[in-house]
Structures are given as C-alpha cells and as structure tokens.
Amino acid sequence: MDTSPSASYKGYDIYPLVYTHAATHEWYERRPDRTYSASVVICREGTDPVSALVRVFPMLARQWDSLGGARRAAVQAGTEIIDGHVPGQSIVGL
C-alpha cells in the first residue's frame, strides 16, 4: 500500500487498494484480459494507514477494466462514505 494518501477529504485520508479480480468462469465464457477489484482504506488525516485506527471498505459490486478507473472509483467511494451517502458504511469511531 502507498505510504501517502491518494486524497484527503474533510479531515480523512483515503487510500485506494486495487487488486486483480480472479472471477470463476465456465470454459465457454468470454474472458477479459484483466479486470480489477477495489477497496478503500479511510483513516484520520496524518494517521499511519497500517495502524489500528483505520477502516477498510470493500467495493464488491463491480470490477473495472483499468487500474486508473478502479483507483478513481475507490477515491470517489471514500468521499461518499465520509459524507454518509453509502448505506451500511460508516466512519463513526475513527
């Protein structure tokens, strides 16, 4: 994970985590060359991202065709979580 945040928003640092998606396929299905899944790590601004005072929010709903698209989506999801626009996801207690 990067040691510097990709974005800071309302007193929180946002770190996107992007990894290759390994979906199971049947032999006859078309397979894209590579897709990516993402999660987002949110912590208080200036806090070490590997400390106990962080939250990891997986983004399970979709995959992206590019690394940059997945990173941008993770940062956007982080800002929406901080604003309280994602049901069931909260930063309360950070």
C-alpha atoms as a PDB file:
ATOM      1  CA  MET A   1       0.000   0.000   0.000  1.00  0.00           C
ATOM      2  CA  ASP A   2       1.233   3.501  -0.749  1.00  0.00           C
ATOM      3  CA  THR A   3       2.526   5.451   2.226  1.00  0.00           C
ATOM      4  CA  SER A   4       0.970   8.695   1.015  1.00  0.00           C
ATOM      5  CA  PRO A   5      -2.794   9.038   0.601  1.00  0.00           C
ATOM      6  CA  SER A   6      -4.370   9.450  -2.823  1.00  0.00           C
ATOM      7  CA  ALA A   7      -6.744  12.045  -1.430  1.00  0.00           C
ATOM      8  CA  SER A   8      -7.594  13.921   1.749  1.00  0.00           C
ATOM      9  CA  TYR A   9     -11.204  14.853   2.396  1.00  0.00           C
ATOM     10  CA  LYS A  10     -12.830  16.529   5.407  1.00  0.00           C
ATOM     11  CA  GLY A  11     -10.008  15.544   7.772  1.00  0.00           C
ATOM     12  CA  TYR A  12      -9.626  11.965   6.495  1.00  0.00           C
ATOM     13  CA  ASP A  13      -7.013  10.330   4.279  1.00  0.00           C
ATOM     14  CA  ILE A  14      -8.195   7.988   1.529  1.00  0.00           C
ATOM     15  CA  TYR A  15      -6.042   5.108   0.269  1.00  0.00           C
ATOM     16  CA  PRO A  16      -7.394   3.054  -2.643  1.00  0.00           C
ATOM     17  CA  LEU A  17      -6.484  -0.637  -2.691  1.00  0.00           C
ATOM     18  CA  VAL A  18      -6.660  -2.126  -6.178  1.00  0.00           C
ATOM     19  CA  TYR A  19      -6.037  -5.776  -6.981  1.00  0.00           C
ATOM     20  CA  THR A  20      -6.665  -8.110  -9.885  1.00  0.00           C
ATOM     21  CA  HIS A  21     -10.049  -9.763  -9.920  1.00  0.00           C
ATOM     22  CA  ALA A  22      -9.960 -13.524 -10.358  1.00  0.00           C
ATOM     23  CA  ALA A  23     -13.527 -14.435 -11.269  1.00  0.00           C
ATOM     24  CA  THR A  24     -14.508 -18.026 -11.817  1.00  0.00           C
ATOM     25  CA  HIS A  25     -15.616 -18.730 -15.375  1.00  0.00           C
ATOM     26  CA  GLU A  26     -17.053 -21.604 -17.270  1.00  0.00           C
ATOM     27  CA  TRP A  27     -14.907 -22.815 -20.156  1.00  0.00           C
ATOM     28  CA  TYR A  28     -17.246 -21.335 -22.796  1.00  0.00           C
ATOM     29  CA  GLU A  29     -17.474 -17.817 -21.340  1.00  0.00           C
ATOM     30  CA  ARG A  30     -15.574 -14.903 -22.833  1.00  0.00           C
ATOM     31  CA  ARG A  31     -12.786 -13.809 -20.510  1.00  0.00           C
ATOM     32  CA  PRO A  32     -11.482 -10.257 -20.419  1.00  0.00           C
ATOM     33  CA  ASP A  33      -7.712  -9.877 -20.370  1.00  0.00           C
ATOM     34  CA  ARG A  34      -7.676  -8.368 -16.892  1.00  0.00           C
ATOM     35  CA  THR A  35     -10.155  -6.807 -14.516  1.00  0.00           C
ATOM     36  CA  TYR A  36      -9.578  -5.117 -11.189  1.00  0.00           C
ATOM     37  CA  SER A  37     -11.428  -5.045  -7.888  1.00  0.00           C
ATOM     38  CA  ALA A  38     -11.003  -2.332  -5.300  1.00  0.00           C
ATOM     39  CA  SER A  39     -11.346  -1.486  -1.642  1.00  0.00           C
ATOM     40  CA  VAL A  40     -10.769   1.799   0.122  1.00  0.00           C
ATOM     41  CA  VAL A  41      -8.902   2.476   3.372  1.00  0.00           C
ATOM     42  CA  ILE A  42     -10.014   5.528   5.354  1.00  0.00           C
ATOM     43  CA  CYS A  43      -8.216   6.956   8.369  1.00  0.00           C
ATOM     44  CA  ARG A  44      -7.865  10.283  10.135  1.00  0.00           C
ATOM     45  CA  GLU A  45      -5.609  12.719   8.335  1.00  0.00           C
ATOM     46  CA  GLY A  46      -1.975  12.136   9.294  1.00  0.00           C
ATOM     47  CA  THR A  47      -2.611   8.711  10.871  1.00  0.00           C
ATOM     48  CA  ASP A  48      -0.429   5.792   9.827  1.00  0.00           C
ATOM     49  CA  PRO A  49      -2.529   3.697   7.396  1.00  0.00           C
ATOM     50  CA  VAL A  50      -1.325   0.438   8.960  1.00  0.00           C
ATOM     51  CA  SER A  51      -2.386   1.387  12.492  1.00  0.00           C
ATOM     52  CA  ALA A  52      -5.447   0.068  14.310  1.00  0.00           C
ATOM     53  CA  LEU A  53      -7.335   3.328  13.666  1.00  0.00           C
ATOM     54  CA  VAL A  54      -8.286   2.635  10.055  1.00  0.00           C
ATOM     55  CA  ARG A  55     -11.292   1.142   8.287  1.00  0.00           C
ATOM     56  CA  VAL A  56     -11.260  -0.918   5.105  1.00  0.00           C
ATOM     57  CA  PHE A  57     -14.356  -0.768   2.924  1.00  0.00           C
ATOM     58  CA  PRO A  58     -14.559  -3.370   0.143  1.00  0.00           C
ATOM     59  CA  MET A  59     -16.249  -2.383  -3.098  1.00  0.00           C
ATOM     60  CA  LEU A  60     -17.818  -5.706  -4.021  1.00  0.00           C
ATOM     61  CA  ALA A  61     -20.413  -4.509  -6.511  1.00  0.00           C
ATOM     62  CA  ARG A  62     -18.270  -4.232  -9.617  1.00  0.00           C
ATOM     63  CA  GLN A  63     -14.943  -4.656 -11.348  1.00  0.00           C
ATOM     64  CA  TRP A  64     -13.036  -2.238 -13.580  1.00  0.00           C
ATOM     65  CA  ASP A  65     -11.169  -2.723 -16.833  1.00  0.00           C
ATOM     66  CA  SER A  66      -8.343  -0.358 -15.902  1.00  0.00           C
ATOM     67  CA  LEU A  67      -6.186   0.232 -12.866  1.00  0.00           C
ATOM     68  CA  GLY A  68      -6.773   4.003 -13.023  1.00  0.00           C
ATOM     69  CA  GLY A  69     -10.543   3.579 -13.225  1.00  0.00           C
ATOM     70  CA  ALA A  70     -10.521   1.369 -10.138  1.00  0.00           C
ATOM     71  CA  ARG A  71      -8.379   3.886  -8.210  1.00  0.00           C
ATOM     72  CA  ARG A  72     -10.659   6.792  -9.135  1.00  0.00           C
ATOM     73  CA  ALA A  73     -13.742   4.800  -8.161  1.00  0.00           C
ATOM     74  CA  ALA A  74     -12.194   3.889  -4.797  1.00  0.00           C
ATOM     75  CA  VAL A  75     -11.399   7.533  -4.016  1.00  0.00           C
ATOM     76  CA  GLN A  76     -14.940   8.551  -5.035  1.00  0.00           C
ATOM     77  CA  ALA A  77     -16.387   5.792  -2.837  1.00  0.00           C
ATOM     78  CA  GLY A  78     -14.245   7.040   0.054  1.00  0.00           C
ATOM     79  CA  THR A  79     -15.642  10.554  -0.223  1.00  0.00           C
ATOM     80  CA  GLU A  80     -19.198   9.189  -0.406  1.00  0.00           C
ATOM     81  CA  ILE A  81     -18.609   7.046   2.713  1.00  0.00           C
ATOM     82  CA  ILE A  82     -17.201  10.045   4.583  1.00  0.00           C
ATOM     83  CA  ASP A  83     -20.248  12.108   3.565  1.00  0.00           C
ATOM     84  CA  GLY A  84     -22.552   9.333   4.801  1.00  0.00           C
ATOM     85  CA  HIS A  85     -24.109   8.601   1.400  1.00  0.00           C
ATOM     86  CA  VAL A  86     -23.433   4.834   1.436  1.00  0.00           C
ATOM     87  CA  PRO A  87     -25.969   2.835   3.466  1.00  0.00           C
ATOM     88  CA  GLY A  88     -24.367   0.466   5.962  1.00  0.00           C
ATOM     89  CA  GLN A  89     -20.908   2.067   5.676  1.00  0.00           C
ATOM     90  CA  SER A  90     -19.782   4.463   8.380  1.00  0.00           C
ATOM     91  CA  ILE A  91     -16.598   6.092   9.635  1.00  0.00           C
ATOM     92  CA  VAL A  92     -18.015   6.668  13.110  1.00  0.00           C
ATOM     93  CA  GLY A  93     -15.362   5.865  15.673  1.00  0.00           C
ATOM     94  CA  LEU A  94     -12.325   6.736  13.582  1.00  0.00           C
END
